[in-house]
N, C-alpha and C. Protein backbone atom coordinates (compact mmCIF):
# COMPACT_ATOMS: atom_id res chain seq x y z
N MET A 1 19.03 -13.45 11.54
CA MET A 1 17.77 -13.42 10.47
C MET A 1 16.64 -14.26 11.09
N ASN A 2 15.16 -13.63 11.53
CA ASN A 2 14.11 -14.26 11.41
C ASN A 2 13.68 -14.77 10.36
N ALA A 3 13.62 -16.00 10.70
CA ALA A 3 12.86 -16.95 9.74
C ALA A 3 11.48 -16.32 9.16
N LYS A 4 10.92 -16.45 10.45
CA LYS A 4 9.13 -16.11 10.07
C LYS A 4 8.38 -15.90 8.72
N PRO A 5 9.07 -14.39 8.58
CA PRO A 5 9.01 -13.55 7.57
C PRO A 5 9.27 -14.59 5.98
N LYS A 6 10.02 -14.93 6.15
CA LYS A 6 10.66 -15.84 4.73
C LYS A 6 9.66 -17.08 4.67
N ILE A 7 9.25 -17.67 5.59
CA ILE A 7 8.36 -19.20 5.62
C ILE A 7 6.83 -18.16 5.45
N GLU A 8 6.68 -17.24 5.51
CA GLU A 8 5.66 -16.71 5.81
C GLU A 8 5.50 -16.31 3.86
N ARG A 9 6.32 -15.79 3.65
CA ARG A 9 6.37 -15.43 1.96
C ARG A 9 6.26 -17.15 1.03
N ALA A 10 7.11 -17.88 1.60
CA ALA A 10 7.22 -18.87 1.10
C ALA A 10 5.93 -19.86 0.80
N ALA A 11 5.20 -19.81 2.01
CA ALA A 11 3.85 -20.33 2.05
C ALA A 11 2.75 -19.81 1.67
N LEU A 12 2.74 -18.31 1.14
CA LEU A 12 1.90 -17.71 0.42
C LEU A 12 2.20 -18.01 -1.02
N GLU A 13 3.64 -17.92 -1.31
CA GLU A 13 3.95 -18.91 -3.02
C GLU A 13 2.92 -20.22 -3.20
N VAL A 14 3.34 -20.95 -2.44
CA VAL A 14 3.12 -22.64 -2.32
C VAL A 14 1.46 -22.04 -2.31
N PHE A 15 0.79 -22.03 -1.38
CA PHE A 15 -0.59 -22.03 -1.23
C PHE A 15 -1.34 -21.01 -2.45
N VAL A 16 -0.91 -19.89 -3.57
CA VAL A 16 -1.49 -19.73 -4.18
C VAL A 16 -1.27 -20.53 -5.53
N ASP A 17 -0.16 -21.50 -5.36
CA ASP A 17 0.24 -22.07 -6.69
C ASP A 17 -0.32 -23.46 -6.48
N LYS A 18 -0.15 -23.84 -4.95
CA LYS A 18 -1.02 -25.60 -4.86
C LYS A 18 -2.13 -25.57 -4.14
N GLY A 19 -2.45 -24.71 -3.52
CA GLY A 19 -4.04 -24.85 -2.46
C GLY A 19 -3.33 -24.76 -1.38
N VAL A 20 -3.66 -24.95 -0.39
CA VAL A 20 -3.98 -24.63 1.30
C VAL A 20 -3.35 -26.49 1.61
N ASP A 21 -4.15 -27.17 0.60
CA ASP A 21 -4.43 -28.81 1.14
C ASP A 21 -3.73 -29.34 0.15
N ALA A 22 -2.62 -28.99 -0.63
CA ALA A 22 -1.75 -29.43 -1.50
C ALA A 22 -0.41 -29.17 -0.83
N ALA A 23 -0.67 -28.22 -0.53
CA ALA A 23 1.12 -27.33 0.13
C ALA A 23 1.02 -28.37 1.46
N THR A 24 3.18 -28.76 1.45
CA THR A 24 3.29 -29.31 2.74
C THR A 24 4.06 -28.81 3.07
N THR A 25 4.52 -28.94 4.28
CA THR A 25 5.87 -27.84 4.85
C THR A 25 6.74 -28.37 4.22
N LYS A 26 7.05 -29.35 4.19
CA LYS A 26 8.40 -29.31 3.06
C LYS A 26 8.41 -28.88 1.81
N LEU A 27 7.34 -28.80 1.12
CA LEU A 27 7.70 -27.79 0.03
C LEU A 27 7.93 -26.36 0.76
N ILE A 28 7.05 -25.71 1.29
CA ILE A 28 6.74 -24.07 1.75
C ILE A 28 8.31 -24.35 2.58
N ALA A 29 9.29 -25.30 3.27
CA ALA A 29 10.68 -25.18 4.05
C ALA A 29 11.74 -25.07 2.61
N ALA A 30 11.07 -25.88 2.01
CA ALA A 30 12.41 -26.34 0.55
C ALA A 30 12.39 -23.96 0.30
N LYS A 31 11.07 -23.98 -0.29
CA LYS A 31 10.81 -22.56 -0.89
C LYS A 31 11.74 -21.42 0.14
N ALA A 32 11.78 -21.42 1.10
CA ALA A 32 11.61 -20.59 2.27
C ALA A 32 13.47 -20.61 2.46
N GLY A 33 13.72 -22.21 2.11
CA GLY A 33 15.24 -22.32 2.31
C GLY A 33 15.61 -22.71 4.15
N VAL A 34 14.76 -23.09 4.61
CA VAL A 34 14.92 -23.15 5.90
C VAL A 34 14.62 -24.44 6.46
N SER A 35 14.87 -25.05 8.02
CA SER A 35 14.23 -26.88 8.29
C SER A 35 12.61 -26.45 8.22
N GLU A 36 12.35 -27.46 7.98
CA GLU A 36 10.80 -28.13 8.43
C GLU A 36 10.18 -27.95 9.81
N GLY A 37 11.66 -28.08 10.74
CA GLY A 37 11.24 -27.70 12.33
C GLY A 37 11.57 -25.89 12.36
N ALA A 38 11.39 -24.91 11.62
CA ALA A 38 11.78 -23.70 11.77
C ALA A 38 10.69 -23.50 11.55
N ILE A 39 9.80 -24.31 10.78
CA ILE A 39 8.04 -23.71 10.36
C ILE A 39 7.53 -24.04 11.45
N TYR A 40 7.82 -25.59 12.87
CA TYR A 40 6.73 -25.59 13.57
C TYR A 40 7.35 -24.85 14.80
N ARG A 41 8.82 -23.65 14.73
CA ARG A 41 8.95 -23.28 15.96
C ARG A 41 8.56 -21.60 16.04
N HIS A 42 7.60 -21.74 14.91
CA HIS A 42 6.55 -20.73 14.60
C HIS A 42 5.19 -20.84 14.79
N TRP A 43 4.83 -22.29 13.87
CA TRP A 43 3.02 -22.25 14.10
C TRP A 43 3.21 -23.91 14.47
N LYS A 44 2.20 -24.26 15.10
CA LYS A 44 1.68 -26.04 15.16
C LYS A 44 1.60 -26.42 14.07
N SER A 45 0.97 -26.38 13.12
CA SER A 45 0.55 -26.93 11.62
C SER A 45 0.64 -25.95 10.20
N LYS A 46 0.56 -26.26 9.13
CA LYS A 46 -0.01 -25.95 8.14
C LYS A 46 -0.90 -25.02 8.17
N ASP A 47 -1.64 -25.26 8.68
CA ASP A 47 -2.69 -24.53 8.58
C ASP A 47 -2.93 -23.78 9.50
N GLU A 48 -2.55 -23.64 10.64
CA GLU A 48 -2.60 -22.69 11.76
C GLU A 48 -2.05 -21.42 10.92
N LEU A 49 -0.73 -21.48 10.17
CA LEU A 49 -0.20 -20.85 9.83
C LEU A 49 -0.46 -20.33 8.20
N ALA A 50 -1.71 -20.99 7.74
CA ALA A 50 -2.34 -20.27 6.80
C ALA A 50 -3.19 -19.80 7.08
N LEU A 51 -4.04 -20.30 7.98
CA LEU A 51 -5.57 -19.50 8.79
C LEU A 51 -4.90 -17.88 9.16
N GLY A 52 -3.91 -18.12 9.58
CA GLY A 52 -2.90 -16.76 10.66
C GLY A 52 -3.00 -16.08 9.31
N LEU A 53 -2.31 -15.90 7.55
CA LEU A 53 -1.96 -15.39 7.09
C LEU A 53 -3.65 -14.84 6.23
N PHE A 54 -4.95 -15.95 6.63
CA PHE A 54 -5.59 -15.78 5.51
C PHE A 54 -6.71 -14.43 6.41
N MET A 55 -6.86 -14.38 8.41
CA MET A 55 -7.20 -13.63 8.54
C MET A 55 -6.73 -12.53 8.84
N ALA A 56 -5.50 -12.25 8.77
CA ALA A 56 -4.78 -11.02 8.79
C ALA A 56 -5.16 -10.01 8.16
N THR A 57 -4.97 -10.75 6.81
CA THR A 57 -5.36 -9.92 4.82
C THR A 57 -7.14 -9.10 5.54
N HIS A 58 -7.63 -10.15 6.18
CA HIS A 58 -9.79 -10.21 6.56
C HIS A 58 -9.79 -9.15 7.57
N ARG A 59 -8.66 -9.38 8.17
CA ARG A 59 -9.29 -8.39 9.22
C ARG A 59 -8.61 -6.70 9.07
N ARG A 60 -7.85 -6.64 7.83
CA ARG A 60 -7.27 -5.90 7.20
C ARG A 60 -7.98 -4.73 6.50
N LEU A 61 -8.78 -5.90 5.36
CA LEU A 61 -9.62 -5.20 4.38
C LEU A 61 -10.98 -4.85 5.41
N SER A 62 -11.51 -5.53 6.34
CA SER A 62 -12.58 -5.37 7.34
C SER A 62 -12.46 -3.76 8.68
N ASP A 63 -11.22 -3.47 8.83
CA ASP A 63 -10.40 -2.31 9.16
C ASP A 63 -10.50 -1.30 8.27
N LEU A 64 -10.03 -1.40 7.03
CA LEU A 64 -10.24 -0.55 6.11
C LEU A 64 -10.85 -0.13 4.87
N ILE A 65 -12.45 -1.37 5.26
CA ILE A 65 -13.97 -1.11 4.70
C ILE A 65 -14.48 -0.15 5.83
N THR A 66 -14.24 -0.42 7.14
CA THR A 66 -14.50 0.54 8.42
C THR A 66 -14.38 1.72 8.13
N VAL A 67 -12.83 1.81 8.48
CA VAL A 67 -12.26 3.35 8.31
C VAL A 67 -12.79 3.99 6.84
N ASN A 68 -12.23 3.85 5.68
CA ASN A 68 -12.78 4.14 4.67
C ASN A 68 -14.33 4.84 4.38
N ALA A 69 -15.38 3.82 4.73
CA ALA A 69 -16.16 3.98 4.77
C ALA A 69 -17.28 5.29 5.60
N GLU A 70 -16.47 4.99 6.77
CA GLU A 70 -16.93 5.98 8.27
C GLU A 70 -16.52 7.68 7.18
N MET A 71 -15.87 7.20 6.97
CA MET A 71 -14.98 9.25 6.54
C MET A 71 -16.00 9.25 5.07
N ALA A 72 -16.87 8.54 4.63
CA ALA A 72 -18.01 8.95 3.44
C ALA A 72 -18.59 9.32 3.61
N THR A 73 -19.75 9.87 3.18
CA THR A 73 -20.93 10.43 2.88
C THR A 73 -21.95 9.92 2.33
N GLY A 74 -23.32 9.46 1.78
CA GLY A 74 -23.40 8.66 0.75
C GLY A 74 -23.28 7.58 0.61
N VAL A 75 -24.30 6.72 0.41
CA VAL A 75 -24.44 5.79 -0.21
C VAL A 75 -23.17 5.57 -1.52
N GLN A 76 -23.19 6.69 -2.55
CA GLN A 76 -22.10 5.67 -3.80
C GLN A 76 -21.05 6.07 -3.05
N ALA A 77 -20.93 7.55 -2.36
CA ALA A 77 -19.37 7.50 -1.94
C ALA A 77 -18.60 6.32 -1.47
N LYS A 78 -19.58 5.75 -0.11
CA LYS A 78 -19.53 4.68 0.36
C LYS A 78 -18.94 3.51 -0.12
N ALA A 79 -19.85 3.25 -1.58
CA ALA A 79 -19.25 2.46 -2.51
C ALA A 79 -18.47 2.94 -3.03
N ALA A 80 -17.50 3.81 -3.28
CA ALA A 80 -16.13 3.76 -3.57
C ALA A 80 -15.58 3.99 -2.57
N ALA A 81 -15.54 3.96 -1.32
CA ALA A 81 -14.78 3.49 -0.65
C ALA A 81 -14.72 2.43 -0.20
N VAL A 82 -15.69 1.12 0.20
CA VAL A 82 -15.22 0.04 -0.27
C VAL A 82 -14.43 -0.61 -1.51
N VAL A 83 -14.45 0.01 -2.67
CA VAL A 83 -14.07 -0.64 -3.49
C VAL A 83 -12.29 -0.11 -3.12
N ARG A 84 -12.01 1.27 -2.64
CA ARG A 84 -10.65 1.42 -2.79
C ARG A 84 -10.58 0.35 -1.34
N ALA A 85 -10.79 0.36 -0.07
CA ALA A 85 -10.52 -0.52 0.33
C ALA A 85 -9.70 -1.89 -0.07
N TYR A 86 -10.86 -2.56 -0.89
CA TYR A 86 -10.09 -3.73 -1.95
C TYR A 86 -8.59 -3.30 -2.50
N CYS A 87 -8.74 -2.26 -3.06
CA CYS A 87 -7.41 -2.24 -4.00
C CYS A 87 -6.36 -1.75 -3.46
N THR A 88 -6.80 -0.95 -1.93
CA THR A 88 -5.61 -0.94 -1.24
C THR A 88 -4.94 -2.52 -0.72
N VAL A 89 -6.08 -2.78 -0.15
CA VAL A 89 -5.44 -4.63 -0.25
C VAL A 89 -4.25 -5.22 -0.43
N ALA A 90 -5.38 -4.75 -1.31
CA ALA A 90 -4.98 -5.72 -2.95
C ALA A 90 -3.12 -5.29 -3.38
N ASP A 91 -3.31 -4.05 -3.53
CA ASP A 91 -1.75 -3.09 -3.95
C ASP A 91 -1.00 -3.35 -2.85
N GLU A 92 -1.51 -3.55 -1.63
CA GLU A 92 -0.33 -3.22 -0.74
C GLU A 92 0.35 -4.87 -1.06
N ASP A 93 -0.32 -5.80 -1.21
CA ASP A 93 0.62 -6.92 -1.37
C ASP A 93 -0.12 -7.65 -2.31
N TRP A 94 -0.11 -8.49 -3.09
CA TRP A 94 -0.94 -8.56 -4.25
C TRP A 94 -0.84 -10.31 -3.81
N LEU A 95 0.70 -10.76 -3.36
CA LEU A 95 0.89 -12.12 -3.30
C LEU A 95 -0.49 -12.14 -2.24
N LEU A 96 -0.22 -12.02 -1.21
CA LEU A 96 -1.45 -12.19 0.15
C LEU A 96 -2.85 -12.36 -0.27
N PHE A 97 -3.36 -10.60 -0.60
CA PHE A 97 -4.28 -11.03 -1.08
C PHE A 97 -4.88 -11.68 -1.66
N ALA A 98 -4.63 -12.19 -2.94
CA ALA A 98 -4.51 -13.37 -4.47
C ALA A 98 -4.76 -14.72 -3.64
N PHE A 99 -3.76 -15.21 -2.33
CA PHE A 99 -4.13 -16.07 -1.46
C PHE A 99 -5.45 -15.97 -1.09
N HIS A 100 -5.57 -15.19 0.11
CA HIS A 100 -7.53 -14.77 0.14
C HIS A 100 -7.72 -15.09 -0.46
N LEU A 101 -8.64 -14.42 -1.55
CA LEU A 101 -8.81 -14.10 -2.33
C LEU A 101 -9.20 -15.42 -2.69
N LEU A 102 -8.67 -16.18 -3.39
CA LEU A 102 -8.61 -17.73 -3.53
C LEU A 102 -8.80 -18.77 -2.51
N GLN A 103 -8.52 -18.27 -1.40
CA GLN A 103 -8.95 -19.52 -0.23
C GLN A 103 -10.01 -19.39 0.51
N LEU A 104 -10.85 -18.42 0.36
CA LEU A 104 -12.01 -17.78 1.02
C LEU A 104 -12.98 -19.21 0.90
N HIS A 105 -12.81 -20.14 0.06
CA HIS A 105 -14.35 -21.21 0.68
C HIS A 105 -13.22 -22.40 1.32
N HIS A 106 -12.01 -22.43 1.43
CA HIS A 106 -11.20 -22.85 2.15
C HIS A 106 -11.62 -22.32 3.39
N PHE A 107 -11.63 -21.25 4.48
CA PHE A 107 -11.47 -20.72 5.70
C PHE A 107 -12.98 -19.79 5.91
N LEU A 108 -13.95 -20.03 5.15
CA LEU A 108 -15.10 -20.33 5.50
C LEU A 108 -16.00 -20.65 6.36
N PRO A 109 -15.60 -21.89 7.12
CA PRO A 109 -15.94 -21.66 8.62
C PRO A 109 -15.26 -20.52 10.05
N TYR A 110 -13.79 -19.55 9.16
CA TYR A 110 -13.19 -19.05 10.29
C TYR A 110 -14.22 -17.11 9.60
N TYR A 111 -14.59 -17.49 8.54
CA TYR A 111 -15.20 -16.04 8.25
C TYR A 111 -15.94 -14.65 8.96
N GLN A 112 -16.58 -15.49 9.40
CA GLN A 112 -17.53 -13.90 10.43
C GLN A 112 -17.19 -14.17 11.63
N GLU A 113 -15.46 -14.06 11.78
CA GLU A 113 -15.69 -14.76 13.46
C GLU A 113 -16.54 -14.12 14.43
N ASP A 114 -16.89 -12.92 14.33
CA ASP A 114 -16.87 -11.60 14.74
C ASP A 114 -17.97 -10.38 14.46
N GLY A 115 -18.16 -10.99 13.40
CA GLY A 115 -19.39 -10.21 12.18
C GLY A 115 -18.41 -9.17 11.82
N ARG A 116 -16.96 -9.17 11.82
CA ARG A 116 -16.87 -7.80 11.42
C ARG A 116 -16.01 -8.27 9.89
N ASP A 117 -16.61 -9.20 9.32
CA ASP A 117 -16.22 -9.42 7.99
C ASP A 117 -16.32 -8.32 6.89
N PRO A 118 -15.66 -8.79 6.01
CA PRO A 118 -15.98 -7.60 4.94
C PRO A 118 -17.93 -7.50 4.09
N VAL A 119 -18.00 -9.24 3.72
CA VAL A 119 -19.09 -9.37 3.63
C VAL A 119 -20.07 -8.41 4.52
N THR A 120 -19.98 -8.92 6.05
CA THR A 120 -21.11 -8.30 6.79
C THR A 120 -21.34 -7.08 6.86
N MET A 121 -20.44 -6.33 6.32
CA MET A 121 -19.80 -4.97 6.61
C MET A 121 -20.44 -4.47 5.67
N VAL A 122 -20.29 -4.68 4.49
CA VAL A 122 -21.13 -4.20 3.02
C VAL A 122 -22.46 -4.38 3.78
N GLU A 123 -22.97 -5.37 3.83
CA GLU A 123 -24.39 -5.71 4.46
C GLU A 123 -25.17 -4.52 4.73
N GLY A 124 -23.65 -4.14 6.09
CA GLY A 124 -24.70 -3.51 6.92
C GLY A 124 -24.50 -1.85 6.45
N LEU A 125 -23.77 -1.71 5.22
CA LEU A 125 -24.18 0.04 4.59
C LEU A 125 -25.07 -0.27 4.56
N ILE A 126 -25.14 -1.50 3.10
CA ILE A 126 -26.77 -0.95 2.83
C ILE A 126 -27.64 -1.39 3.71
N LYS A 127 -28.08 -1.87 4.35
CA LYS A 127 -28.94 -1.99 5.40
C LYS A 127 -28.74 -0.50 5.65
N ARG A 128 -28.28 0.37 6.22
CA ARG A 128 -28.10 1.44 6.59
C ARG A 128 -28.96 2.27 5.50
N ALA A 129 -28.25 2.56 4.65
CA ALA A 129 -28.61 3.22 3.24
C ALA A 129 -30.59 2.84 3.17
N MET A 130 -30.83 1.39 2.97
CA MET A 130 -32.12 1.20 3.12
C MET A 130 -32.75 2.01 4.50
N MET A 131 -32.65 2.06 5.27
CA MET A 131 -33.24 2.49 6.46
C MET A 131 -33.12 4.21 6.40
N ASP A 132 -32.06 4.83 5.70
CA ASP A 132 -32.13 6.28 5.54
C ASP A 132 -33.30 6.76 4.21
N MET A 133 -33.36 5.55 3.25
CA MET A 133 -33.75 6.09 1.68
C MET A 133 -33.13 6.53 1.45
N GLU A 134 -31.48 5.48 1.38
CA GLU A 134 -30.67 6.62 0.19
C GLU A 134 -31.13 5.14 -0.95
N LEU A 135 -31.72 4.11 -0.99
CA LEU A 135 -31.48 2.94 -1.76
C LEU A 135 -33.53 2.34 -1.66
N PRO A 136 -33.73 1.72 -2.58
CA PRO A 136 -35.19 1.29 -2.57
C PRO A 136 -34.54 0.04 -1.52
N PRO A 137 -36.41 -0.45 -0.76
CA PRO A 137 -35.48 -2.01 -0.19
C PRO A 137 -35.69 -2.95 -0.85
N GLY A 138 -34.81 -4.10 -0.26
CA GLY A 138 -34.38 -5.19 -0.77
C GLY A 138 -33.50 -5.96 -0.31
N ASP A 139 -33.22 -6.99 -0.53
CA ASP A 139 -32.39 -8.19 0.47
C ASP A 139 -30.46 -7.55 -0.04
N PRO A 140 -30.47 -6.75 1.63
CA PRO A 140 -28.91 -6.36 1.58
C PRO A 140 -27.67 -7.58 1.20
N ARG A 141 -28.03 -8.85 1.51
CA ARG A 141 -27.22 -9.90 1.67
C ARG A 141 -28.02 -9.98 0.21
N VAL A 142 -28.37 -10.05 -0.79
CA VAL A 142 -28.26 -10.60 -2.19
C VAL A 142 -27.44 -9.19 -2.60
N ILE A 143 -27.56 -7.95 -2.62
CA ILE A 143 -27.03 -6.69 -3.06
C ILE A 143 -25.73 -6.50 -2.93
N ALA A 144 -24.80 -7.49 -1.34
CA ALA A 144 -23.78 -7.02 -1.27
C ALA A 144 -23.08 -7.69 -2.25
N ALA A 145 -23.46 -9.01 -2.22
CA ALA A 145 -23.12 -10.38 -2.72
C ALA A 145 -22.89 -9.57 -4.11
N MET A 146 -23.82 -8.73 -4.75
CA MET A 146 -23.62 -8.71 -6.08
C MET A 146 -22.44 -7.56 -6.48
N ALA A 147 -22.41 -7.06 -5.12
CA ALA A 147 -21.60 -5.20 -4.74
C ALA A 147 -19.86 -5.75 -5.06
N ILE A 148 -20.02 -6.41 -4.60
CA ILE A 148 -18.52 -7.03 -3.66
C ILE A 148 -17.75 -7.99 -4.56
N GLY A 149 -18.91 -9.11 -5.13
CA GLY A 149 -18.58 -9.80 -6.92
C GLY A 149 -17.89 -8.65 -7.83
N VAL A 150 -18.53 -7.80 -8.01
CA VAL A 150 -18.06 -6.64 -9.26
C VAL A 150 -16.32 -6.81 -8.66
N ILE A 151 -15.88 -6.45 -7.36
CA ILE A 151 -14.37 -6.25 -7.16
C ILE A 151 -14.01 -7.65 -6.96
N THR A 152 -14.59 -8.65 -6.51
CA THR A 152 -13.77 -9.89 -6.81
C THR A 152 -13.73 -10.93 -8.06
N GLN A 153 -14.84 -10.87 -8.72
CA GLN A 153 -14.27 -10.85 -10.54
C GLN A 153 -13.00 -10.81 -10.51
N THR A 154 -13.43 -9.13 -10.02
CA THR A 154 -12.45 -8.54 -10.75
C THR A 154 -10.56 -9.02 -10.45
N ALA A 155 -10.73 -9.14 -10.04
CA ALA A 155 -9.68 -9.62 -8.59
C ALA A 155 -9.26 -11.37 -9.03
N GLN A 156 -10.07 -11.84 -8.87
CA GLN A 156 -10.25 -12.87 -8.99
C GLN A 156 -9.22 -13.05 -11.12
N ASN A 157 -10.03 -12.87 -11.93
CA ASN A 157 -9.23 -12.56 -13.23
C ASN A 157 -7.81 -12.22 -13.31
N LYS A 158 -7.43 -11.06 -12.32
CA LYS A 158 -6.31 -10.60 -12.55
C LYS A 158 -5.23 -11.72 -11.63
N ALA A 159 -6.02 -12.63 -10.76
CA ALA A 159 -5.20 -13.56 -9.98
C ALA A 159 -4.72 -14.68 -11.00
N TYR A 160 -5.80 -15.65 -11.95
CA TYR A 160 -5.53 -16.16 -13.41
C TYR A 160 -4.81 -15.87 -14.01
N GLY A 161 -4.28 -14.46 -14.28
CA GLY A 161 -3.43 -13.94 -15.28
C GLY A 161 -4.27 -12.91 -16.32
N ARG A 162 -5.43 -12.62 -16.45
CA ARG A 162 -6.30 -12.42 -17.25
C ARG A 162 -5.93 -11.21 -17.48
N LEU A 163 -5.76 -9.74 -16.69
CA LEU A 163 -6.05 -8.66 -17.06
C LEU A 163 -4.82 -7.86 -16.67
N GLY A 164 -3.57 -8.88 -16.99
CA GLY A 164 -2.04 -8.46 -16.86
C GLY A 164 -1.49 -8.06 -16.02
N ASP A 165 -0.78 -7.34 -15.41
CA ASP A 165 0.52 -7.32 -14.37
C ASP A 165 -0.46 -5.53 -13.60
N ASP A 166 -0.97 -5.25 -14.15
CA ASP A 166 -1.59 -3.73 -13.88
C ASP A 166 -2.31 -3.88 -12.35
N ALA A 167 -1.79 -2.82 -11.44
CA ALA A 167 -2.45 -3.12 -9.97
C ALA A 167 -4.04 -3.09 -9.71
N LEU A 168 -4.77 -3.15 -8.89
CA LEU A 168 -6.52 -3.89 -9.09
C LEU A 168 -6.86 -2.37 -8.82
N SER A 169 -5.22 -1.38 -8.18
CA SER A 169 -6.80 0.11 -8.67
C SER A 169 -6.50 0.56 -9.90
N ALA A 170 -5.75 0.21 -10.59
CA ALA A 170 -5.85 0.76 -11.96
C ALA A 170 -7.54 0.39 -12.43
N HIS A 171 -8.84 -0.29 -12.35
CA HIS A 171 -9.51 -0.59 -12.67
C HIS A 171 -10.53 -0.37 -11.83
N ALA A 172 -10.06 0.66 -10.58
CA ALA A 172 -10.80 1.14 -9.35
C ALA A 172 -12.42 2.45 -10.01
N SER A 173 -12.17 2.56 -10.98
CA SER A 173 -13.03 4.10 -11.83
C SER A 173 -14.43 2.63 -12.35
N LEU A 174 -13.69 1.95 -12.87
CA LEU A 174 -14.52 1.18 -13.61
C LEU A 174 -15.43 0.07 -12.38
N MET A 175 -14.73 0.09 -11.39
CA MET A 175 -15.01 -1.54 -10.69
C MET A 175 -16.31 -0.57 -9.52
N THR A 176 -15.49 0.85 -9.25
CA THR A 176 -16.65 1.84 -8.83
C THR A 176 -17.90 2.46 -9.52
N ALA A 177 -17.82 2.23 -10.67
CA ALA A 177 -18.86 2.73 -11.77
C ALA A 177 -20.29 1.23 -11.29
N ALA A 178 -19.88 0.29 -11.81
CA ALA A 178 -20.29 -1.14 -11.64
C ALA A 178 -20.83 -0.88 -10.25
N VAL A 179 -20.19 -0.56 -9.32
CA VAL A 179 -20.70 -1.34 -7.60
C VAL A 179 -21.61 -0.25 -7.55
N GLN A 180 -21.68 1.21 -7.71
CA GLN A 180 -22.75 2.26 -7.61
C GLN A 180 -23.82 1.46 -9.17
N ALA A 181 -23.79 1.06 -10.24
CA ALA A 181 -24.79 0.77 -10.83
C ALA A 181 -25.78 -0.58 -9.62
N VAL A 182 -24.81 -1.32 -9.47
CA VAL A 182 -25.47 -2.86 -8.79
C VAL A 182 -26.22 -2.03 -7.75
N LEU A 183 -26.21 -1.05 -6.97
CA LEU A 183 -26.52 -0.21 -5.91
C LEU A 183 -27.84 0.27 -6.02
N SER A 184 -27.73 0.68 -7.80
CA SER A 184 -28.84 1.68 -8.38
C SER A 184 -30.03 1.07 -8.85
N ALA A 185 -29.65 -0.31 -9.13
CA ALA A 185 -30.57 -0.64 -10.04
C ALA A 185 -31.72 -1.23 -9.64
N ARG A 186 -33.03 -1.29 -10.03
CA ARG A 186 -33.91 -1.46 -9.60
C ARG A 186 -35.10 -0.91 -10.13
């Protein structure tokens, strides 16, 4: 059996529990039930493993935002599509999503690797809505930060155990209403 998936799951557990900086290949190997050498057969370092997991989630989220938003008509529907994208990624694999969410600061240098990151994409949706006069003029960066903050703060509270074991999508309707309120506030 390929050890790579076991190592990735173990790494996620260790990264979420201890953080990337405090995690060691020794801890990850022990959790996966493999030798440290098995890790190095797949990745050059713990940091390469962590970055790969982070960017895979980041790209998945960006892709879902694109697909969901393109199918939606109007800024309010696009807001719902963004919430749906975040909920889908979170519900598909909560541990992977929690790792991504809790390590955003760690991977900030890679965050906007190609302009197709979630924040830049939401900023673009807001800019287009302003140009189409669906939203009043404003700073799309601030509005995107506030809108995404509704989702990520909710997810962060789930990661910290404050919302129980519900799927993030259990809160989608309330998050959607809050994001829509952010967009129409002024």
